[in-house]
Amino acid sequence: MGREARRAQARAERRQQRQRQAAPRTSPGVSAPPTPQEAQRRGSLLKPRWAMEIISELRKVTWPSRQEVGNLTFVVIVVALLIGFVLGAADLAFGWLVEQTILR
């Protein structure tokens, strides 16, 4: 986990603590009116609740930077080429072996 991700996680935890402390205490038998966030979470016909939850989870994701994406793409291409060359060489070797032993 990178430094930015740790800082973002720490900020989110502090925000949650502040929200818990600021939340009004109600007795178990009394129900409080829904907050605007709770009313919004119910969803609607055009924005179902599950879609809103997906969007909120995607906002929490730590996306890689452009440089990280470029580096990892380069690594994937190099590894794919290396494995391709190894498999191609093995195919040529086994083909030669079969021609020299079985087909003679």
PDB file of N, CA and C in Angstrom:
ATOM      1  N   MET A   1       0.861  -1.166   0.000  1.00  0.00           N
ATOM      2  CA  MET A   1       0.000   0.000   0.000  1.00  0.00           C
ATOM      3  C   MET A   1       0.905   1.225   0.000  1.00  0.00           C
ATOM      4  N   GLY A   2       0.660   2.161  -0.893  1.00  0.00           N
ATOM      5  CA  GLY A   2       1.477   3.349  -1.012  1.00  0.00           C
ATOM      6  C   GLY A   2       1.173   4.374   0.067  1.00  0.00           C
ATOM      7  N   ARG A   3       2.018   5.368   0.123  1.00  0.00           N
ATOM      8  CA  ARG A   3       1.878   6.427   1.115  1.00  0.00           C
ATOM      9  C   ARG A   3       0.556   7.167   0.948  1.00  0.00           C
ATOM     10  N   GLU A   4       0.194   7.442  -0.302  1.00  0.00           N
ATOM     11  CA  GLU A   4      -1.068   8.160  -0.552  1.00  0.00           C
ATOM     12  C   GLU A   4      -2.261   7.345  -0.088  1.00  0.00           C
ATOM     13  N   ALA A   5      -2.220   6.041  -0.317  1.00  0.00           N
ATOM     14  CA  ALA A   5      -3.333   5.185   0.089  1.00  0.00           C
ATOM     15  C   ALA A   5      -3.446   5.134   1.607  1.00  0.00           C
ATOM     16  N   ARG A   6      -2.297   5.056   2.303  1.00  0.00           N
ATOM     17  CA  ARG A   6      -2.336   5.035   3.769  1.00  0.00           C
ATOM     18  C   ARG A   6      -2.898   6.337   4.312  1.00  0.00           C
ATOM     19  N   ARG A   7      -2.484   7.457   3.713  1.00  0.00           N
ATOM     20  CA  ARG A   7      -3.004   8.747   4.169  1.00  0.00           C
ATOM     21  C   ARG A   7      -4.501   8.853   3.924  1.00  0.00           C
ATOM     22  N   ALA A   8      -4.952   8.393   2.766  1.00  0.00           N
ATOM     23  CA  ALA A   8      -6.386   8.437   2.456  1.00  0.00           C
ATOM     24  C   ALA A   8      -7.165   7.556   3.424  1.00  0.00           C
ATOM     25  N   GLN A   9      -6.609   6.394   3.756  1.00  0.00           N
ATOM     26  CA  GLN A   9      -7.288   5.503   4.690  1.00  0.00           C
ATOM     27  C   GLN A   9      -7.350   6.131   6.080  1.00  0.00           C
ATOM     28  N   ALA A  10      -6.271   6.773   6.506  1.00  0.00           N
ATOM     29  CA  ALA A  10      -6.265   7.433   7.812  1.00  0.00           C
ATOM     30  C   ALA A  10      -7.286   8.570   7.845  1.00  0.00           C
ATOM     31  N   ARG A  11      -7.373   9.348   6.744  1.00  0.00           N
ATOM     32  CA  ARG A  11      -8.372  10.428   6.689  1.00  0.00           C
ATOM     33  C   ARG A  11      -9.786   9.858   6.780  1.00  0.00           C
ATOM     34  N   ALA A  12     -10.027   8.755   6.081  1.00  0.00           N
ATOM     35  CA  ALA A  12     -11.360   8.150   6.107  1.00  0.00           C
ATOM     36  C   ALA A  12     -11.702   7.654   7.514  1.00  0.00           C
ATOM     37  N   GLU A  13     -10.719   7.063   8.200  1.00  0.00           N
ATOM     38  CA  GLU A  13     -10.977   6.588   9.562  1.00  0.00           C
ATOM     39  C   GLU A  13     -11.266   7.756  10.499  1.00  0.00           C
ATOM     40  N   ARG A  14     -10.511   8.852  10.376  1.00  0.00           N
ATOM     41  CA  ARG A  14     -10.775  10.021  11.223  1.00  0.00           C
ATOM     42  C   ARG A  14     -12.158  10.595  10.936  1.00  0.00           C
ATOM     43  N   ARG A  15     -12.546  10.619   9.648  1.00  0.00           N
ATOM     44  CA  ARG A  15     -13.859  11.128   9.263  1.00  0.00           C
ATOM     45  C   ARG A  15     -14.962  10.265   9.879  1.00  0.00           C
ATOM     46  N   GLN A  16     -14.774   8.945   9.861  1.00  0.00           N
ATOM     47  CA  GLN A  16     -15.773   8.050  10.441  1.00  0.00           C
ATOM     48  C   GLN A  16     -15.872   8.252  11.949  1.00  0.00           C
ATOM     49  N   GLN A  17     -14.735   8.455  12.615  1.00  0.00           N
ATOM     50  CA  GLN A  17     -14.764   8.689  14.056  1.00  0.00           C
ATOM     51  C   GLN A  17     -15.521   9.976  14.370  1.00  0.00           C
ATOM     52  N   ARG A  18     -15.260  11.038  13.594  1.00  0.00           N
ATOM     53  CA  ARG A  18     -15.965  12.303  13.815  1.00  0.00           C
ATOM     54  C   ARG A  18     -17.465  12.133  13.604  1.00  0.00           C
ATOM     55  N   GLN A  19     -17.852  11.357  12.603  1.00  0.00           N
ATOM     56  CA  GLN A  19     -19.271  11.156  12.336  1.00  0.00           C
ATOM     57  C   GLN A  19     -19.921  10.372  13.470  1.00  0.00           C
ATOM     58  N   ARG A  20     -19.202   9.382  14.008  1.00  0.00           N
ATOM     59  CA  ARG A  20     -19.744   8.602  15.121  1.00  0.00           C
ATOM     60  C   ARG A  20     -19.907   9.475  16.361  1.00  0.00           C
ATOM     61  N   GLN A  21     -18.935  10.349  16.605  1.00  0.00           N
ATOM     62  CA  GLN A  21     -19.003  11.216  17.777  1.00  0.00           C
ATOM     63  C   GLN A  21     -20.096  12.263  17.614  1.00  0.00           C
ATOM     64  N   ALA A  22     -20.294  12.749  16.391  1.00  0.00           N
ATOM     65  CA  ALA A  22     -21.287  13.789  16.156  1.00  0.00           C
ATOM     66  C   ALA A  22     -22.705  13.240  16.047  1.00  0.00           C
ATOM     67  N   ALA A  23     -22.840  11.930  15.869  1.00  0.00           N
ATOM     68  CA  ALA A  23     -24.172  11.332  15.715  1.00  0.00           C
ATOM     69  C   ALA A  23     -24.944  11.484  17.027  1.00  0.00           C
ATOM     70  N   PRO A  24     -26.185  11.943  16.948  1.00  0.00           N
ATOM     71  CA  PRO A  24     -26.981  12.097  18.174  1.00  0.00           C
ATOM     72  C   PRO A  24     -27.340  10.732  18.758  1.00  0.00           C
ATOM     73  N   ARG A  25     -27.302  10.662  20.056  1.00  0.00           N
ATOM     74  CA  ARG A  25     -27.652   9.421  20.766  1.00  0.00           C
ATOM     75  C   ARG A  25     -29.171   9.374  20.945  1.00  0.00           C
ATOM     76  N   THR A  26     -29.773   8.279  20.517  1.00  0.00           N
ATOM     77  CA  THR A  26     -31.213   8.121  20.699  1.00  0.00           C
ATOM     78  C   THR A  26     -31.460   6.858  21.502  1.00  0.00           C
ATOM     79  N   SER A  27     -32.564   6.826  22.185  1.00  0.00           N
ATOM     80  CA  SER A  27     -32.896   5.627  22.947  1.00  0.00           C
ATOM     81  C   SER A  27     -33.359   4.544  21.980  1.00  0.00           C
ATOM     82  N   PRO A  28     -33.242   3.272  22.372  1.00  0.00           N
ATOM     83  CA  PRO A  28     -33.570   2.183  21.448  1.00  0.00           C
ATOM     84  C   PRO A  28     -35.005   2.206  20.942  1.00  0.00           C
ATOM     85  N   GLY A  29     -35.954   2.714  21.709  1.00  0.00           N
ATOM     86  CA  GLY A  29     -37.341   2.686  21.287  1.00  0.00           C
ATOM     87  C   GLY A  29     -37.727   3.836  20.373  1.00  0.00           C
ATOM     88  N   VAL A  30     -36.910   4.876  20.317  1.00  0.00           N
ATOM     89  CA  VAL A  30     -37.245   6.061  19.541  1.00  0.00           C
ATOM     90  C   VAL A  30     -36.470   6.023  18.228  1.00  0.00           C
ATOM     91  N   SER A  31     -37.196   6.210  17.140  1.00  0.00           N
ATOM     92  CA  SER A  31     -36.516   6.231  15.847  1.00  0.00           C
ATOM     93  C   SER A  31     -36.347   7.679  15.405  1.00  0.00           C
ATOM     94  N   ALA A  32     -35.154   7.970  14.932  1.00  0.00           N
ATOM     95  CA  ALA A  32     -34.862   9.324  14.460  1.00  0.00           C
ATOM     96  C   ALA A  32     -35.274   9.436  13.001  1.00  0.00           C
ATOM     97  N   PRO A  33     -35.592  10.625  12.540  1.00  0.00           N
ATOM     98  CA  PRO A  33     -35.934  10.783  11.124  1.00  0.00           C
ATOM     99  C   PRO A  33     -34.691  10.485  10.272  1.00  0.00           C
ATOM    100  N   PRO A  34     -34.893   9.955   9.088  1.00  0.00           N
ATOM    101  CA  PRO A  34     -33.739   9.609   8.252  1.00  0.00           C
ATOM    102  C   PRO A  34     -32.958  10.852   7.843  1.00  0.00           C
ATOM    103  N   THR A  35     -31.648  10.697   7.837  1.00  0.00           N
ATOM    104  CA  THR A  35     -30.793  11.792   7.389  1.00  0.00           C
ATOM    105  C   THR A  35     -30.866  11.859   5.867  1.00  0.00           C
ATOM    106  N   PRO A  36     -30.425  12.954   5.270  1.00  0.00           N
ATOM    107  CA  PRO A  36     -30.462  13.038   3.800  1.00  0.00           C
ATOM    108  C   PRO A  36     -29.662  11.917   3.130  1.00  0.00           C
ATOM    109  N   GLN A  37     -28.551  11.509   3.751  1.00  0.00           N
ATOM    110  CA  GLN A  37     -27.763  10.423   3.171  1.00  0.00           C
ATOM    111  C   GLN A  37     -28.538   9.104   3.209  1.00  0.00           C
ATOM    112  N   GLU A  38     -29.223   8.841   4.327  1.00  0.00           N
ATOM    113  CA  GLU A  38     -29.997   7.606   4.426  1.00  0.00           C
ATOM    114  C   GLU A  38     -31.155   7.615   3.438  1.00  0.00           C
ATOM    115  N   ALA A  39     -31.793   8.768   3.273  1.00  0.00           N
ATOM    116  CA  ALA A  39     -32.891   8.861   2.319  1.00  0.00           C
ATOM    117  C   ALA A  39     -32.389   8.637   0.904  1.00  0.00           C
ATOM    118  N   GLN A  40     -31.176   9.121   0.633  1.00  0.00           N
ATOM    119  CA  GLN A  40     -30.608   8.956  -0.706  1.00  0.00           C
ATOM    120  C   GLN A  40     -30.206   7.504  -0.943  1.00  0.00           C
ATOM    121  N   ARG A  41     -29.801   6.773   0.084  1.00  0.00           N
ATOM    122  CA  ARG A  41     -29.348   5.400  -0.066  1.00  0.00           C
ATOM    123  C   ARG A  41     -30.463   4.435  -0.452  1.00  0.00           C
ATOM    124  N   ARG A  42     -31.715   4.825  -0.245  1.00  0.00           N
ATOM    125  CA  ARG A  42     -32.810   3.929  -0.598  1.00  0.00           C
ATOM    126  C   ARG A  42     -32.856   3.663  -2.089  1.00  0.00           C
ATOM    127  N   GLY A  43     -32.382   4.608  -2.869  1.00  0.00           N
ATOM    128  CA  GLY A  43     -32.378   4.418  -4.310  1.00  0.00           C
ATOM    129  C   GLY A  43     -33.696   4.823  -4.929  1.00  0.00           C
ATOM    130  N   SER A  44     -33.733   4.744  -6.222  1.00  0.00           N
ATOM    131  CA  SER A  44     -34.944   5.072  -6.961  1.00  0.00           C
ATOM    132  C   SER A  44     -35.017   4.136  -8.163  1.00  0.00           C
ATOM    133  N   LEU A  45     -35.973   4.400  -9.013  1.00  0.00           N
ATOM    134  CA  LEU A  45     -36.138   3.548 -10.187  1.00  0.00           C
ATOM    135  C   LEU A  45     -34.954   3.691 -11.139  1.00  0.00           C
ATOM    136  N   LEU A  46     -34.460   4.925 -11.315  1.00  0.00           N
ATOM    137  CA  LEU A  46     -33.346   5.162 -12.236  1.00  0.00           C
ATOM    138  C   LEU A  46     -31.986   4.875 -11.603  1.00  0.00           C
ATOM    139  N   LYS A  47     -31.884   5.013 -10.278  1.00  0.00           N
ATOM    140  CA  LYS A  47     -30.634   4.729  -9.568  1.00  0.00           C
ATOM    141  C   LYS A  47     -30.922   3.729  -8.454  1.00  0.00           C
ATOM    142  N   PRO A  48     -30.863   2.439  -8.764  1.00  0.00           N
ATOM    143  CA  PRO A  48     -31.125   1.453  -7.707  1.00  0.00           C
ATOM    144  C   PRO A  48     -30.035   1.492  -6.642  1.00  0.00           C
ATOM    145  N   ARG A  49     -30.367   0.987  -5.490  1.00  0.00           N
ATOM    146  CA  ARG A  49     -29.455   1.033  -4.343  1.00  0.00           C
ATOM    147  C   ARG A  49     -28.145   0.315  -4.640  1.00  0.00           C
ATOM    148  N   TRP A  50     -28.223  -0.825  -5.305  1.00  0.00           N
ATOM    149  CA  TRP A  50     -26.996  -1.589  -5.569  1.00  0.00           C
ATOM    150  C   TRP A  50     -26.060  -0.821  -6.491  1.00  0.00           C
ATOM    151  N   ALA A  51     -26.601  -0.041  -7.429  1.00  0.00           N
ATOM    152  CA  ALA A  51     -25.759   0.746  -8.328  1.00  0.00           C
ATOM    153  C   ALA A  51     -25.089   1.882  -7.557  1.00  0.00           C
ATOM    154  N   MET A  52     -25.813   2.487  -6.638  1.00  0.00           N
ATOM    155  CA  MET A  52     -25.236   3.553  -5.830  1.00  0.00           C
ATOM    156  C   MET A  52     -24.146   3.010  -4.920  1.00  0.00           C
ATOM    157  N   GLU A  53     -24.318   1.785  -4.416  1.00  0.00           N
ATOM    158  CA  GLU A  53     -23.290   1.172  -3.570  1.00  0.00           C
ATOM    159  C   GLU A  53     -22.035   0.852  -4.384  1.00  0.00           C
ATOM    160  N   ILE A  54     -22.218   0.418  -5.627  1.00  0.00           N
ATOM    161  CA  ILE A  54     -21.070   0.141  -6.492  1.00  0.00           C
ATOM    162  C   ILE A  54     -20.285   1.424  -6.733  1.00  0.00           C
ATOM    163  N   ILE A  55     -20.982   2.503  -7.020  1.00  0.00           N
ATOM    164  CA  ILE A  55     -20.320   3.783  -7.272  1.00  0.00           C
ATOM    165  C   ILE A  55     -19.568   4.249  -6.031  1.00  0.00           C
ATOM    166  N   SER A  56     -20.175   4.097  -4.862  1.00  0.00           N
ATOM    167  CA  SER A  56     -19.500   4.540  -3.639  1.00  0.00           C
ATOM    168  C   SER A  56     -18.255   3.684  -3.372  1.00  0.00           C
ATOM    169  N   GLU A  57     -18.306   2.397  -3.678  1.00  0.00           N
ATOM    170  CA  GLU A  57     -17.126   1.546  -3.497  1.00  0.00           C
ATOM    171  C   GLU A  57     -16.038   1.894  -4.496  1.00  0.00           C
ATOM    172  N   LEU A  58     -16.416   2.235  -5.727  1.00  0.00           N
ATOM    173  CA  LEU A  58     -15.411   2.603  -6.721  1.00  0.00           C
ATOM    174  C   LEU A  58     -14.714   3.907  -6.352  1.00  0.00           C
ATOM    175  N   ARG A  59     -15.383   4.777  -5.630  1.00  0.00           N
ATOM    176  CA  ARG A  59     -14.737   6.016  -5.189  1.00  0.00           C
ATOM    177  C   ARG A  59     -13.682   5.742  -4.132  1.00  0.00           C
ATOM    178  N   LYS A  60     -13.790   4.622  -3.426  1.00  0.00           N
ATOM    179  CA  LYS A  60     -12.825   4.277  -2.382  1.00  0.00           C
ATOM    180  C   LYS A  60     -11.568   3.610  -2.943  1.00  0.00           C
ATOM    181  N   VAL A  61     -11.626   3.192  -4.198  1.00  0.00           N
ATOM    182  CA  VAL A  61     -10.507   2.461  -4.797  1.00  0.00           C
ATOM    183  C   VAL A  61      -9.322   3.392  -4.999  1.00  0.00           C
ATOM    184  N   THR A  62      -8.126   2.873  -4.719  1.00  0.00           N
ATOM    185  CA  THR A  62      -6.903   3.605  -4.994  1.00  0.00           C
ATOM    186  C   THR A  62      -6.445   3.204  -6.383  1.00  0.00           C
ATOM    187  N   TRP A  63      -6.637   4.094  -7.345  1.00  0.00           N
ATOM    188  CA  TRP A  63      -6.295   3.787  -8.719  1.00  0.00           C
ATOM    189  C   TRP A  63      -4.814   4.031  -8.952  1.00  0.00           C
ATOM    190  N   PRO A  64      -4.174   3.211  -9.814  1.00  0.00           N
ATOM    191  CA  PRO A  64      -2.745   3.423 -10.089  1.00  0.00           C
ATOM    192  C   PRO A  64      -2.533   4.684 -10.917  1.00  0.00           C
ATOM    193  N   SER A  65      -1.325   5.244 -10.763  1.00  0.00           N
ATOM    194  CA  SER A  65      -0.999   6.440 -11.537  1.00  0.00           C
ATOM    195  C   SER A  65      -0.709   6.045 -12.983  1.00  0.00           C
ATOM    196  N   ARG A  66      -0.607   7.035 -13.841  1.00  0.00           N
ATOM    197  CA  ARG A  66      -0.334   6.776 -15.259  1.00  0.00           C
ATOM    198  C   ARG A  66       1.031   6.108 -15.432  1.00  0.00           C
ATOM    199  N   GLN A  67       2.012   6.523 -14.633  1.00  0.00           N
ATOM    200  CA  GLN A  67       3.352   5.945 -14.718  1.00  0.00           C
ATOM    201  C   GLN A  67       3.332   4.473 -14.276  1.00  0.00           C
ATOM    202  N   GLU A  68       2.598   4.161 -13.207  1.00  0.00           N
ATOM    203  CA  GLU A  68       2.504   2.774 -12.757  1.00  0.00           C
ATOM    204  C   GLU A  68       1.844   1.900 -13.825  1.00  0.00           C
ATOM    205  N   VAL A  69       0.809   2.415 -14.465  1.00  0.00           N
ATOM    206  CA  VAL A  69       0.133   1.653 -15.521  1.00  0.00           C
ATOM    207  C   VAL A  69       1.093   1.379 -16.673  1.00  0.00           C
ATOM    208  N   GLY A  70       1.867   2.395 -17.064  1.00  0.00           N
ATOM    209  CA  GLY A  70       2.834   2.219 -18.143  1.00  0.00           C
ATOM    210  C   GLY A  70       3.902   1.197 -17.793  1.00  0.00           C
ATOM    211  N   ASN A  71       4.431   1.278 -16.570  1.00  0.00           N
ATOM    212  CA  ASN A  71       5.464   0.325 -16.140  1.00  0.00           C
ATOM    213  C   ASN A  71       4.930  -1.106 -16.099  1.00  0.00           C
ATOM    214  N   LEU A  72       3.751  -1.276 -15.539  1.00  0.00           N
ATOM    215  CA  LEU A  72       3.187  -2.625 -15.442  1.00  0.00           C
ATOM    216  C   LEU A  72       2.821  -3.180 -16.814  1.00  0.00           C
ATOM    217  N   THR A  73       2.366  -2.325 -17.718  1.00  0.00           N
ATOM    218  CA  THR A  73       2.076  -2.773 -19.085  1.00  0.00           C
ATOM    219  C   THR A  73       3.354  -3.247 -19.758  1.00  0.00           C
ATOM    220  N   PHE A  74       4.437  -2.503 -19.585  1.00  0.00           N
ATOM    221  CA  PHE A  74       5.733  -2.899 -20.142  1.00  0.00           C
ATOM    222  C   PHE A  74       6.167  -4.260 -19.593  1.00  0.00           C
ATOM    223  N   VAL A  75       6.014  -4.464 -18.297  1.00  0.00           N
ATOM    224  CA  VAL A  75       6.393  -5.745 -17.676  1.00  0.00           C
ATOM    225  C   VAL A  75       5.569  -6.880 -18.266  1.00  0.00           C
ATOM    226  N   VAL A  76       4.282  -6.682 -18.437  1.00  0.00           N
ATOM    227  CA  VAL A  76       3.414  -7.730 -18.986  1.00  0.00           C
ATOM    228  C   VAL A  76       3.833  -8.080 -20.409  1.00  0.00           C
ATOM    229  N   ILE A  77       4.138  -7.079 -21.216  1.00  0.00           N
ATOM    230  CA  ILE A  77       4.540  -7.334 -22.606  1.00  0.00           C
ATOM    231  C   ILE A  77       5.858  -8.093 -22.649  1.00  0.00           C
ATOM    232  N   VAL A  78       6.835  -7.690 -21.824  1.00  0.00           N
ATOM    233  CA  VAL A  78       8.136  -8.367 -21.805  1.00  0.00           C
ATOM    234  C   VAL A  78       7.985  -9.820 -21.360  1.00  0.00           C
ATOM    235  N   VAL A  79       7.225 -10.054 -20.305  1.00  0.00           N
ATOM    236  CA  VAL A  79       7.036 -11.429 -19.818  1.00  0.00           C
ATOM    237  C   VAL A  79       6.315 -12.271 -20.862  1.00  0.00           C
ATOM    238  N   ALA A  80       5.318 -11.716 -21.534  1.00  0.00           N
ATOM    239  CA  ALA A  80       4.597 -12.457 -22.574  1.00  0.00           C
ATOM    240  C   ALA A  80       5.531 -12.818 -23.724  1.00  0.00           C
ATOM    241  N   LEU A  81       6.392 -11.881 -24.125  1.00  0.00           N
ATOM    242  CA  LEU A  81       7.354 -12.180 -25.195  1.00  0.00           C
ATOM    243  C   LEU A  81       8.345 -13.258 -24.770  1.00  0.00           C
ATOM    244  N   LEU A  82       8.846 -13.168 -23.544  1.00  0.00           N
ATOM    245  CA  LEU A  82       9.793 -14.180 -23.068  1.00  0.00           C
ATOM    246  C   LEU A  82       9.157 -15.569 -23.035  1.00  0.00           C
ATOM    247  N   ILE A  83       7.968 -15.663 -22.530  1.00  0.00           N
ATOM    248  CA  ILE A  83       7.283 -16.959 -22.471  1.00  0.00           C
ATOM    249  C   ILE A  83       6.992 -17.455 -23.885  1.00  0.00           C
ATOM    250  N   GLY A  84       6.638 -16.546 -24.789  1.00  0.00           N
ATOM    251  CA  GLY A  84       6.413 -16.935 -26.182  1.00  0.00           C
ATOM    252  C   GLY A  84       7.665 -17.505 -26.821  1.00  0.00           C
ATOM    253  N   PHE A  85       8.808 -16.856 -26.584  1.00  0.00           N
ATOM    254  CA  PHE A  85      10.064 -17.358 -27.130  1.00  0.00           C
ATOM    255  C   PHE A  85      10.422 -18.718 -26.535  1.00  0.00           C
ATOM    256  N   VAL A  86      10.235 -18.890 -25.234  1.00  0.00           N
ATOM    257  CA  VAL A  86      10.549 -20.169 -24.589  1.00  0.00           C
ATOM    258  C   VAL A  86       9.654 -21.274 -25.149  1.00  0.00           C
ATOM    259  N   LEU A  87       8.359 -21.007 -25.272  1.00  0.00           N
ATOM    260  CA  LEU A  87       7.448 -22.025 -25.804  1.00  0.00           C
ATOM    261  C   LEU A  87       7.744 -22.319 -27.273  1.00  0.00           C
ATOM    262  N   GLY A  88       8.099 -21.283 -28.043  1.00  0.00           N
ATOM    263  CA  GLY A  88       8.458 -21.488 -29.449  1.00  0.00           C
ATOM    264  C   GLY A  88       9.708 -22.345 -29.579  1.00  0.00           C
ATOM    265  N   ALA A  89      10.713 -22.071 -28.758  1.00  0.00           N
ATOM    266  CA  ALA A  89      11.941 -22.879 -28.781  1.00  0.00           C
ATOM    267  C   ALA A  89      11.648 -24.314 -28.373  1.00  0.00           C
ATOM    268  N   ALA A  90      10.808 -24.504 -27.355  1.00  0.00           N
ATOM    269  CA  ALA A  90      10.456 -25.863 -26.932  1.00  0.00           C
ATOM    270  C   ALA A  90       9.717 -26.590 -28.054  1.00  0.00           C
ATOM    271  N   ASP A  91       8.843 -25.899 -28.753  1.00  0.00           N
ATOM    272  CA  ASP A  91       8.112 -26.508 -29.869  1.00  0.00           C
ATOM    273  C   ASP A  91       9.071 -26.933 -30.980  1.00  0.00           C
ATOM    274  N   LEU A  92      10.012 -26.070 -31.319  1.00  0.00           N
ATOM    275  CA  LEU A  92      10.995 -26.425 -32.344  1.00  0.00           C
ATOM    276  C   LEU A  92      11.847 -27.611 -31.909  1.00  0.00           C
ATOM    277  N   ALA A  93      12.256 -27.616 -30.642  1.00  0.00           N
ATOM    278  CA  ALA A  93      13.093 -28.709 -30.142  1.00  0.00           C
ATOM    279  C   ALA A  93      12.326 -30.033 -30.156  1.00  0.00           C
ATOM    280  N   PHE A  94      11.099 -30.019 -29.685  1.00  0.00           N
ATOM    281  CA  PHE A  94      10.321 -31.265 -29.676  1.00  0.00           C
ATOM    282  C   PHE A  94       9.982 -31.710 -31.098  1.00  0.00           C
ATOM    283  N   GLY A  95       9.713 -30.763 -31.986  1.00  0.00           N
ATOM    284  CA  GLY A  95       9.463 -31.122 -33.387  1.00  0.00           C
ATOM    285  C   GLY A  95      10.676 -31.778 -34.010  1.00  0.00           C
ATOM    286  N   TRP A  96      11.857 -31.225 -33.775  1.00  0.00           N
ATOM    287  CA  TRP A  96      13.092 -31.810 -34.296  1.00  0.00           C
ATOM    288  C   TRP A  96      13.309 -33.196 -33.693  1.00  0.00           C
ATOM    289  N   LEU A  97      13.061 -33.343 -32.379  1.00  0.00           N
ATOM    290  CA  LEU A  97      13.249 -34.621 -31.699  1.00  0.00           C
ATOM    291  C   LEU A  97      12.309 -35.679 -32.272  1.00  0.00           C
ATOM    292  N   VAL A  98      11.073 -35.332 -32.513  1.00  0.00           N
ATOM    293  CA  VAL A  98      10.114 -36.281 -33.073  1.00  0.00           C
ATOM    294  C   VAL A  98      10.533 -36.680 -34.486  1.00  0.00           C
ATOM    295  N   GLU A  99      10.971 -35.731 -35.293  1.00  0.00           N
ATOM    296  CA  GLU A  99      11.411 -36.044 -36.658  1.00  0.00           C
ATOM    297  C   GLU A  99      12.640 -36.969 -36.660  1.00  0.00           C
ATOM    298  N   GLN A 100      13.525 -36.773 -35.740  1.00  0.00           N
ATOM    299  CA  GLN A 100      14.761 -37.555 -35.713  1.00  0.00           C
ATOM    300  C   GLN A 100      14.566 -38.953 -35.126  1.00  0.00           C
ATOM    301  N   THR A 101      13.619 -39.120 -34.224  1.00  0.00           N
ATOM    302  CA  THR A 101      13.466 -40.412 -33.555  1.00  0.00           C
ATOM    303  C   THR A 101      12.281 -41.227 -34.090  1.00  0.00           C
ATOM    304  N   ILE A 102      11.124 -40.671 -34.073  1.00  0.00           N
ATOM    305  CA  ILE A 102       9.912 -41.458 -34.363  1.00  0.00           C
ATOM    306  C   ILE A 102       9.682 -41.581 -35.873  1.00  0.00           C
ATOM    307  N   LEU A 103       9.866 -40.511 -36.606  1.00  0.00           N
ATOM    308  CA  LEU A 103       9.515 -40.524 -38.026  1.00  0.00           C
ATOM    309  C   LEU A 103      10.608 -41.090 -38.935  1.00  0.00           C
ATOM    310  N   ARG A 104      11.691 -41.557 -38.429  1.00  0.00           N
ATOM    311  CA  ARG A 104      12.739 -42.141 -39.267  1.00  0.00           C
ATOM    312  C   ARG A 104      12.550 -43.594 -39.449  1.00  0.00           C
TER     313      ARG A 104
END
